[in-house]
C-alpha cells in the first residue's frame, strides 16, 4: 500500500459518502469519488482540487467501466475501495413497494457494488494489496418492517462480501462494514423526526475515517461495525 493511500468512494454527493470524502481530503489523502449529482460533484472538485470527483451512475456498468479506464490510465488501483452508494425505499409493506422502486434499490445497492468491484479490483489484484469496504447496515444483519427492499440489498452485500473475501489472495481484504445509525437524509426517510437524536455524518466520519484506514488483510471476511455506531 502506498505511503499516501488513495481511497475510492461511491455516492459522495451527500450523507456518509460526502462526509468521508471531505474527511479523507482534509487529512491529506487522495480521494476518487463519484455521484450522479453533477452539482455536488462540481462543488467537491472545487473545494478539494487534489481529489478526482466524477459524475457516474454505479448502476450503469458502461459508465463505471469508462470511469475506471479514466482513473486507472497509467495509475495503480485504489488502496481502499469503499462502496457506499445506496438507495432506500420509501417506507411501505413489501407488497406495496412499486416494482420500479424495488428494481432501483437492487440496481444501485447490489449491482452497483458489483460493477465497481468488477472494474477496479483487477488493478488492485495486480498489486496484491488493498481493502474493499462494502457498506452494509444493521439491516444487513437484522430486519425491520417496511424496508424489505433495503434489507434485501444489505443482506446480499453481506453474502457477496463473504464470498469475495474467500476469493482474494493473501495480503488483501474484503469487509462488510456497518456504519451504525447516523442522522442522514436516508435515516430521515424511515425514522422521521426520531432520526435527529443520532449523530450527524461529519461527526461520524471523524470516527470512521481512522477506523477504515486501519483495516488490513487480517480483517478479511470479518463483518465489522464502526466503533461507537
C-alpha atoms as a PDB file:
ATOM      1  CA  UNK A   1       0.000   0.000   0.000  1.00  0.00           C
ATOM      2  CA  UNK A   2       1.342   3.459  -0.894  1.00  0.00           C
ATOM      3  CA  UNK A   3       2.534   5.950   1.722  1.00  0.00           C
ATOM      4  CA  UNK A   4      -0.383   8.241   0.843  1.00  0.00           C
ATOM      5  CA  UNK A   5      -3.349   5.947   0.259  1.00  0.00           C
ATOM      6  CA  UNK A   6      -5.862   6.523  -2.484  1.00  0.00           C
ATOM      7  CA  UNK A   7      -9.461   5.997  -1.424  1.00  0.00           C
ATOM      8  CA  UNK A   8     -12.247   5.437  -3.924  1.00  0.00           C
ATOM      9  CA  UNK A   9     -15.687   6.304  -2.531  1.00  0.00           C
ATOM     10  CA  UNK A  10     -19.015   5.949  -4.323  1.00  0.00           C
ATOM     11  CA  UNK A  11     -22.035   8.098  -3.533  1.00  0.00           C
ATOM     12  CA  UNK A  12     -20.197  11.267  -2.476  1.00  0.00           C
ATOM     13  CA  UNK A  13     -22.998  13.766  -3.087  1.00  0.00           C
ATOM     14  CA  UNK A  14     -24.357  13.677   0.475  1.00  0.00           C
ATOM     15  CA  UNK A  15     -24.594  11.709   3.694  1.00  0.00           C
ATOM     16  CA  UNK A  16     -21.843   9.325   4.712  1.00  0.00           C
ATOM     17  CA  UNK A  17     -20.100   9.353   1.340  1.00  0.00           C
ATOM     18  CA  UNK A  18     -19.821  13.133   1.277  1.00  0.00           C
ATOM     19  CA  UNK A  19     -18.643  13.251   4.885  1.00  0.00           C
ATOM     20  CA  UNK A  20     -15.981  10.590   4.253  1.00  0.00           C
ATOM     21  CA  UNK A  21     -14.759  12.242   1.060  1.00  0.00           C
ATOM     22  CA  UNK A  22     -14.350  15.532   2.884  1.00  0.00           C
ATOM     23  CA  UNK A  23     -12.710  13.978   5.949  1.00  0.00           C
ATOM     24  CA  UNK A  24     -10.171  11.964   3.964  1.00  0.00           C
ATOM     25  CA  UNK A  25      -9.447  15.020   1.792  1.00  0.00           C
ATOM     26  CA  UNK A  26      -8.981  17.165   4.895  1.00  0.00           C
ATOM     27  CA  UNK A  27      -6.491  14.615   6.216  1.00  0.00           C
ATOM     28  CA  UNK A  28      -4.469  14.877   3.013  1.00  0.00           C
ATOM     29  CA  UNK A  29      -5.349  11.578   1.337  1.00  0.00           C
ATOM     30  CA  UNK A  30      -6.083  11.158  -2.361  1.00  0.00           C
ATOM     31  CA  UNK A  31      -9.804  10.697  -2.930  1.00  0.00           C
ATOM     32  CA  UNK A  32     -11.568   9.438  -6.028  1.00  0.00           C
ATOM     33  CA  UNK A  33     -15.316   9.844  -5.766  1.00  0.00           C
ATOM     34  CA  UNK A  34     -18.453   9.577  -7.826  1.00  0.00           C
ATOM     35  CA  UNK A  35     -22.090  10.567  -7.682  1.00  0.00           C
ATOM     36  CA  UNK A  36     -24.978  11.006 -10.086  1.00  0.00           C
ATOM     37  CA  UNK A  37     -25.396  14.588  -8.833  1.00  0.00           C
ATOM     38  CA  UNK A  38     -23.380  16.892 -11.089  1.00  0.00           C
ATOM     39  CA  UNK A  39     -23.758  19.942  -8.875  1.00  0.00           C
ATOM     40  CA  UNK A  40     -22.447  18.067  -5.826  1.00  0.00           C
ATOM     41  CA  UNK A  41     -19.537  16.628  -7.800  1.00  0.00           C
ATOM     42  CA  UNK A  42     -18.543  20.065  -9.094  1.00  0.00           C
ATOM     43  CA  UNK A  43     -18.749  21.518  -5.578  1.00  0.00           C
ATOM     44  CA  UNK A  44     -16.484  18.797  -4.180  1.00  0.00           C
ATOM     45  CA  UNK A  45     -13.990  19.211  -7.005  1.00  0.00           C
ATOM     46  CA  UNK A  46     -13.876  22.953  -6.407  1.00  0.00           C
ATOM     47  CA  UNK A  47     -13.408  22.566  -2.654  1.00  0.00           C
ATOM     48  CA  UNK A  48     -10.897  19.707  -2.887  1.00  0.00           C
ATOM     49  CA  UNK A  49      -8.997  20.168  -6.185  1.00  0.00           C
ATOM     50  CA  UNK A  50      -6.469  17.477  -5.232  1.00  0.00           C
ATOM     51  CA  UNK A  51      -9.249  14.885  -5.499  1.00  0.00           C
ATOM     52  CA  UNK A  52     -10.881  13.447  -8.594  1.00  0.00           C
ATOM     53  CA  UNK A  53     -14.661  13.582  -8.498  1.00  0.00           C
ATOM     54  CA  UNK A  54     -16.792  12.351 -11.374  1.00  0.00           C
ATOM     55  CA  UNK A  55     -20.427  12.098 -12.414  1.00  0.00           C
ATOM     56  CA  UNK A  56     -21.067   8.348 -12.577  1.00  0.00           C
ATOM     57  CA  UNK A  57     -24.130   6.167 -12.059  1.00  0.00           C
ATOM     58  CA  UNK A  58     -22.822   2.971 -10.450  1.00  0.00           C
ATOM     59  CA  UNK A  59     -25.901   1.123 -11.715  1.00  0.00           C
ATOM     60  CA  UNK A  60     -24.613   1.634 -15.278  1.00  0.00           C
ATOM     61  CA  UNK A  61     -21.796  -0.858 -15.997  1.00  0.00           C
ATOM     62  CA  UNK A  62     -20.590   1.026 -19.063  1.00  0.00           C
ATOM     63  CA  UNK A  63     -20.310   4.252 -17.072  1.00  0.00           C
ATOM     64  CA  UNK A  64     -18.337   2.506 -14.316  1.00  0.00           C
ATOM     65  CA  UNK A  65     -16.064   0.842 -16.877  1.00  0.00           C
ATOM     66  CA  UNK A  66     -15.319   4.199 -18.517  1.00  0.00           C
ATOM     67  CA  UNK A  67     -14.695   5.797 -15.105  1.00  0.00           C
ATOM     68  CA  UNK A  68     -12.226   3.046 -14.234  1.00  0.00           C
ATOM     69  CA  UNK A  69     -10.431   3.427 -17.568  1.00  0.00           C
ATOM     70  CA  UNK A  70     -10.016   7.148 -16.912  1.00  0.00           C
ATOM     71  CA  UNK A  71      -8.781   6.827 -13.337  1.00  0.00           C
ATOM     72  CA  UNK A  72      -6.547   3.803 -13.847  1.00  0.00           C
ATOM     73  CA  UNK A  73      -4.817   5.014 -17.006  1.00  0.00           C
ATOM     74  CA  UNK A  74      -1.177   4.637 -16.001  1.00  0.00           C
ATOM     75  CA  UNK A  75      -2.030   4.576 -12.286  1.00  0.00           C
ATOM     76  CA  UNK A  76      -2.253   1.939  -9.581  1.00  0.00           C
ATOM     77  CA  UNK A  77      -5.659   0.903  -8.335  1.00  0.00           C
ATOM     78  CA  UNK A  78      -7.037   2.439  -5.152  1.00  0.00           C
ATOM     79  CA  UNK A  79      -5.751   1.304  -1.787  1.00  0.00           C
ATOM     80  CA  UNK A  80      -9.267   1.385  -0.343  1.00  0.00           C
ATOM     81  CA  UNK A  81     -12.353   0.774  -2.453  1.00  0.00           C
ATOM     82  CA  UNK A  82     -15.378   1.980  -0.473  1.00  0.00           C
ATOM     83  CA  UNK A  83     -18.784   1.042  -1.864  1.00  0.00           C
ATOM     84  CA  UNK A  84     -21.088   3.493  -0.120  1.00  0.00           C
ATOM     85  CA  UNK A  85     -23.656   4.488  -2.773  1.00  0.00           C
ATOM     86  CA  UNK A  86     -27.112   3.243  -1.846  1.00  0.00           C
ATOM     87  CA  UNK A  87     -30.821   3.935  -2.091  1.00  0.00           C
ATOM     88  CA  UNK A  88     -33.589   3.127   0.372  1.00  0.00           C
ATOM     89  CA  UNK A  89     -37.219   2.555  -0.470  1.00  0.00           C
ATOM     90  CA  UNK A  90     -39.980   4.755   0.899  1.00  0.00           C
ATOM     91  CA  UNK A  91     -41.480   3.066   3.956  1.00  0.00           C
ATOM     92  CA  UNK A  92     -44.085   0.569   2.779  1.00  0.00           C
ATOM     93  CA  UNK A  93     -45.095  -3.081   3.191  1.00  0.00           C
ATOM     94  CA  UNK A  94     -43.289  -5.184   0.608  1.00  0.00           C
ATOM     95  CA  UNK A  95     -46.404  -5.841  -1.487  1.00  0.00           C
ATOM     96  CA  UNK A  96     -46.996  -2.095  -1.824  1.00  0.00           C
ATOM     97  CA  UNK A  97     -43.483  -1.224  -2.997  1.00  0.00           C
ATOM     98  CA  UNK A  98     -43.567  -0.147  -6.658  1.00  0.00           C
ATOM     99  CA  UNK A  99     -41.731  -2.518  -8.972  1.00  0.00           C
ATOM    100  CA  UNK A 100     -39.553   0.299 -10.301  1.00  0.00           C
ATOM    101  CA  UNK A 101     -38.537   1.311  -6.777  1.00  0.00           C
ATOM    102  CA  UNK A 102     -37.523  -2.229  -5.809  1.00  0.00           C
ATOM    103  CA  UNK A 103     -35.509  -2.516  -9.029  1.00  0.00           C
ATOM    104  CA  UNK A 104     -33.728   0.799  -8.372  1.00  0.00           C
ATOM    105  CA  UNK A 105     -32.643  -0.346  -4.895  1.00  0.00           C
ATOM    106  CA  UNK A 106     -31.240  -3.576  -6.310  1.00  0.00           C
ATOM    107  CA  UNK A 107     -29.566  -1.805  -9.239  1.00  0.00           C
ATOM    108  CA  UNK A 108     -27.650   0.638  -7.045  1.00  0.00           C
ATOM    109  CA  UNK A 109     -27.150  -1.280  -3.797  1.00  0.00           C
ATOM    110  CA  UNK A 110     -26.191  -4.660  -5.250  1.00  0.00           C
ATOM    111  CA  UNK A 111     -25.402  -4.321  -8.944  1.00  0.00           C
ATOM    112  CA  UNK A 112     -23.591  -1.038  -8.359  1.00  0.00           C
ATOM    113  CA  UNK A 113     -21.256  -2.686  -5.861  1.00  0.00           C
ATOM    114  CA  UNK A 114     -20.586  -5.494  -8.319  1.00  0.00           C
ATOM    115  CA  UNK A 115     -19.819  -3.057 -11.143  1.00  0.00           C
ATOM    116  CA  UNK A 116     -17.315  -1.068  -9.089  1.00  0.00           C
ATOM    117  CA  UNK A 117     -15.569  -4.220  -7.872  1.00  0.00           C
ATOM    118  CA  UNK A 118     -15.524  -5.725 -11.364  1.00  0.00           C
ATOM    119  CA  UNK A 119     -13.789  -2.764 -12.980  1.00  0.00           C
ATOM    120  CA  UNK A 120     -11.468  -1.584 -10.182  1.00  0.00           C
ATOM    121  CA  UNK A 121     -10.452  -4.757  -8.364  1.00  0.00           C
ATOM    122  CA  UNK A 122      -8.252  -6.188 -11.166  1.00  0.00           C
ATOM    123  CA  UNK A 123      -5.805  -3.283 -10.750  1.00  0.00           C
ATOM    124  CA  UNK A 124      -5.667  -3.958  -7.018  1.00  0.00           C
ATOM    125  CA  UNK A 125      -5.105  -7.657  -7.665  1.00  0.00           C
ATOM    126  CA  UNK A 126      -2.095  -6.862  -9.846  1.00  0.00           C
ATOM    127  CA  UNK A 127      -0.534  -5.140  -6.849  1.00  0.00           C
ATOM    128  CA  UNK A 128      -1.862  -7.853  -4.492  1.00  0.00           C
ATOM    129  CA  UNK A 129      -2.837  -5.293  -1.884  1.00  0.00           C
ATOM    130  CA  UNK A 130      -5.837  -3.211  -0.957  1.00  0.00           C
ATOM    131  CA  UNK A 131      -9.043  -3.312   1.019  1.00  0.00           C
ATOM    132  CA  UNK A 132     -12.589  -3.465  -0.344  1.00  0.00           C
ATOM    133  CA  UNK A 133     -15.105  -1.969   2.084  1.00  0.00           C
ATOM    134  CA  UNK A 134     -18.728  -2.678   1.187  1.00  0.00           C
ATOM    135  CA  UNK A 135     -21.110  -0.663   3.321  1.00  0.00           C
ATOM    136  CA  UNK A 136     -23.686  -2.896   4.918  1.00  0.00           C
ATOM    137  CA  UNK A 137     -26.152  -1.874   7.620  1.00  0.00           C
ATOM    138  CA  UNK A 138     -27.759  -3.029  10.822  1.00  0.00           C
ATOM    139  CA  UNK A 139     -30.464  -4.012   8.358  1.00  0.00           C
ATOM    140  CA  UNK A 140     -27.976  -6.303   6.651  1.00  0.00           C
ATOM    141  CA  UNK A 141     -27.805  -8.374   9.850  1.00  0.00           C
ATOM    142  CA  UNK A 142     -31.348  -7.896  11.169  1.00  0.00           C
ATOM    143  CA  UNK A 143     -34.654  -6.744   9.684  1.00  0.00           C
ATOM    144  CA  UNK A 144     -37.457  -4.242  10.211  1.00  0.00           C
ATOM    145  CA  UNK A 145     -40.861  -3.834   8.588  1.00  0.00           C
ATOM    146  CA  UNK A 146     -41.430  -1.519   5.636  1.00  0.00           C
ATOM    147  CA  UNK A 147     -37.802  -1.539   4.466  1.00  0.00           C
ATOM    148  CA  UNK A 148     -37.697  -5.031   2.954  1.00  0.00           C
ATOM    149  CA  UNK A 149     -36.042  -3.957  -0.340  1.00  0.00           C
ATOM    150  CA  UNK A 150     -33.246  -2.193   1.530  1.00  0.00           C
ATOM    151  CA  UNK A 151     -32.805  -5.126   3.933  1.00  0.00           C
ATOM    152  CA  UNK A 152     -32.669  -7.470   0.955  1.00  0.00           C
ATOM    153  CA  UNK A 153     -29.897  -5.451  -0.627  1.00  0.00           C
ATOM    154  CA  UNK A 154     -27.785  -5.224   2.514  1.00  0.00           C
ATOM    155  CA  UNK A 155     -28.146  -8.915   3.362  1.00  0.00           C
ATOM    156  CA  UNK A 156     -26.947  -9.531  -0.208  1.00  0.00           C
ATOM    157  CA  UNK A 157     -23.919  -7.314   0.422  1.00  0.00           C
ATOM    158  CA  UNK A 158     -23.004  -9.407   3.460  1.00  0.00           C
ATOM    159  CA  UNK A 159     -23.053 -12.578   1.346  1.00  0.00           C
ATOM    160  CA  UNK A 160     -21.287 -11.030  -1.612  1.00  0.00           C
ATOM    161  CA  UNK A 161     -18.517  -9.744   0.647  1.00  0.00           C
ATOM    162  CA  UNK A 162     -18.036 -13.065   2.419  1.00  0.00           C
ATOM    163  CA  UNK A 163     -17.683 -14.865  -0.910  1.00  0.00           C
ATOM    164  CA  UNK A 164     -15.325 -12.238  -2.292  1.00  0.00           C
ATOM    165  CA  UNK A 165     -13.178 -12.493   0.831  1.00  0.00           C
ATOM    166  CA  UNK A 166     -12.707 -16.210   0.146  1.00  0.00           C
ATOM    167  CA  UNK A 167     -11.564 -15.463  -3.415  1.00  0.00           C
ATOM    168  CA  UNK A 168      -8.957 -12.791  -2.663  1.00  0.00           C
ATOM    169  CA  UNK A 169      -5.243 -13.591  -2.489  1.00  0.00           C
ATOM    170  CA  UNK A 170      -3.297 -13.152   0.722  1.00  0.00           C
ATOM    171  CA  UNK A 171      -2.495  -9.561   1.563  1.00  0.00           C
ATOM    172  CA  UNK A 172      -5.939  -8.248   0.615  1.00  0.00           C
ATOM    173  CA  UNK A 173      -9.246  -7.886   2.412  1.00  0.00           C
ATOM    174  CA  UNK A 174     -12.959  -7.535   1.743  1.00  0.00           C
ATOM    175  CA  UNK A 175     -15.044  -6.262   4.636  1.00  0.00           C
ATOM    176  CA  UNK A 176     -18.777  -5.703   5.078  1.00  0.00           C
ATOM    177  CA  UNK A 177     -18.953  -2.596   7.254  1.00  0.00           C
ATOM    178  CA  UNK A 178     -21.992  -1.482   9.225  1.00  0.00           C
ATOM    179  CA  UNK A 179     -21.557   2.279   9.688  1.00  0.00           C
ATOM    180  CA  UNK A 180     -24.034   2.396  12.577  1.00  0.00           C
ATOM    181  CA  UNK A 181     -27.110   4.593  12.901  1.00  0.00           C
ATOM    182  CA  UNK A 182     -26.269   8.057  11.583  1.00  0.00           C
ATOM    183  CA  UNK A 183     -28.511  11.055  11.017  1.00  0.00           C
ATOM    184  CA  UNK A 184     -28.689  11.427   7.237  1.00  0.00           C
ATOM    185  CA  UNK A 185     -31.415  12.100   4.679  1.00  0.00           C
ATOM    186  CA  UNK A 186     -31.770   8.339   4.348  1.00  0.00           C
ATOM    187  CA  UNK A 187     -32.439   7.953   8.057  1.00  0.00           C
ATOM    188  CA  UNK A 188     -34.932  10.824   7.932  1.00  0.00           C
ATOM    189  CA  UNK A 189     -36.850   8.937   5.253  1.00  0.00           C
ATOM    190  CA  UNK A 190     -37.500   5.957   7.511  1.00  0.00           C
ATOM    191  CA  UNK A 191     -37.230   7.339  11.077  1.00  0.00           C
ATOM    192  CA  UNK A 192     -38.785  10.790  10.566  1.00  0.00           C
ATOM    193  CA  UNK A 193     -38.144  13.299  13.368  1.00  0.00           C
ATOM    194  CA  UNK A 194     -36.768  10.479  15.544  1.00  0.00           C
ATOM    195  CA  UNK A 195     -33.662  10.444  13.307  1.00  0.00           C
ATOM    196  CA  UNK A 196     -32.437  13.711  14.811  1.00  0.00           C
ATOM    197  CA  UNK A 197     -31.331  12.037  18.026  1.00  0.00           C
ATOM    198  CA  UNK A 198     -28.488  10.274  16.206  1.00  0.00           C
ATOM    199  CA  UNK A 199     -25.064  11.798  15.421  1.00  0.00           C
ATOM    200  CA  UNK A 200     -24.547  13.571  12.123  1.00  0.00           C
ATOM    201  CA  UNK A 201     -22.432  12.383   9.220  1.00  0.00           C
ATOM    202  CA  UNK A 202     -19.483  14.730   9.807  1.00  0.00           C
ATOM    203  CA  UNK A 203     -19.033  13.650  13.430  1.00  0.00           C
ATOM    204  CA  UNK A 204     -19.355  10.029  12.314  1.00  0.00           C
ATOM    205  CA  UNK A 205     -16.696  10.488   9.604  1.00  0.00           C
ATOM    206  CA  UNK A 206     -14.157  11.677  12.161  1.00  0.00           C
ATOM    207  CA  UNK A 207     -14.517   8.275  13.873  1.00  0.00           C
ATOM    208  CA  UNK A 208     -14.955   6.207  10.751  1.00  0.00           C
ATOM    209  CA  UNK A 209     -12.006   7.509   8.720  1.00  0.00           C
ATOM    210  CA  UNK A 210      -9.220   6.271  11.037  1.00  0.00           C
ATOM    211  CA  UNK A 211     -11.084   3.012  11.583  1.00  0.00           C
ATOM    212  CA  UNK A 212     -11.265   2.366   7.836  1.00  0.00           C
ATOM    213  CA  UNK A 213      -7.619   3.315   7.351  1.00  0.00           C
ATOM    214  CA  UNK A 214      -6.702   0.729   9.990  1.00  0.00           C
ATOM    215  CA  UNK A 215      -8.310  -2.160   8.116  1.00  0.00           C
ATOM    216  CA  UNK A 216      -5.901  -4.680   6.631  1.00  0.00           C
ATOM    217  CA  UNK A 217      -5.587  -8.278   5.450  1.00  0.00           C
ATOM    218  CA  UNK A 218      -6.227  -9.536   8.966  1.00  0.00           C
ATOM    219  CA  UNK A 219      -9.792  -8.231   8.694  1.00  0.00           C
ATOM    220  CA  UNK A 220     -10.587 -10.158   5.531  1.00  0.00           C
ATOM    221  CA  UNK A 221     -14.120 -11.556   5.645  1.00  0.00           C
ATOM    222  CA  UNK A 222     -14.984 -10.036   9.015  1.00  0.00           C
ATOM    223  CA  UNK A 223     -18.407  -8.373   9.387  1.00  0.00           C
ATOM    224  CA  UNK A 224     -17.468  -5.155  11.195  1.00  0.00           C
ATOM    225  CA  UNK A 225     -19.157  -2.101  12.669  1.00  0.00           C
ATOM    226  CA  UNK A 226     -17.660   1.363  13.021  1.00  0.00           C
ATOM    227  CA  UNK A 227     -16.884   1.836  16.748  1.00  0.00           C
ATOM    228  CA  UNK A 228     -19.490   3.905  18.514  1.00  0.00           C
ATOM    229  CA  UNK A 229     -22.010   3.099  15.798  1.00  0.00           C
END
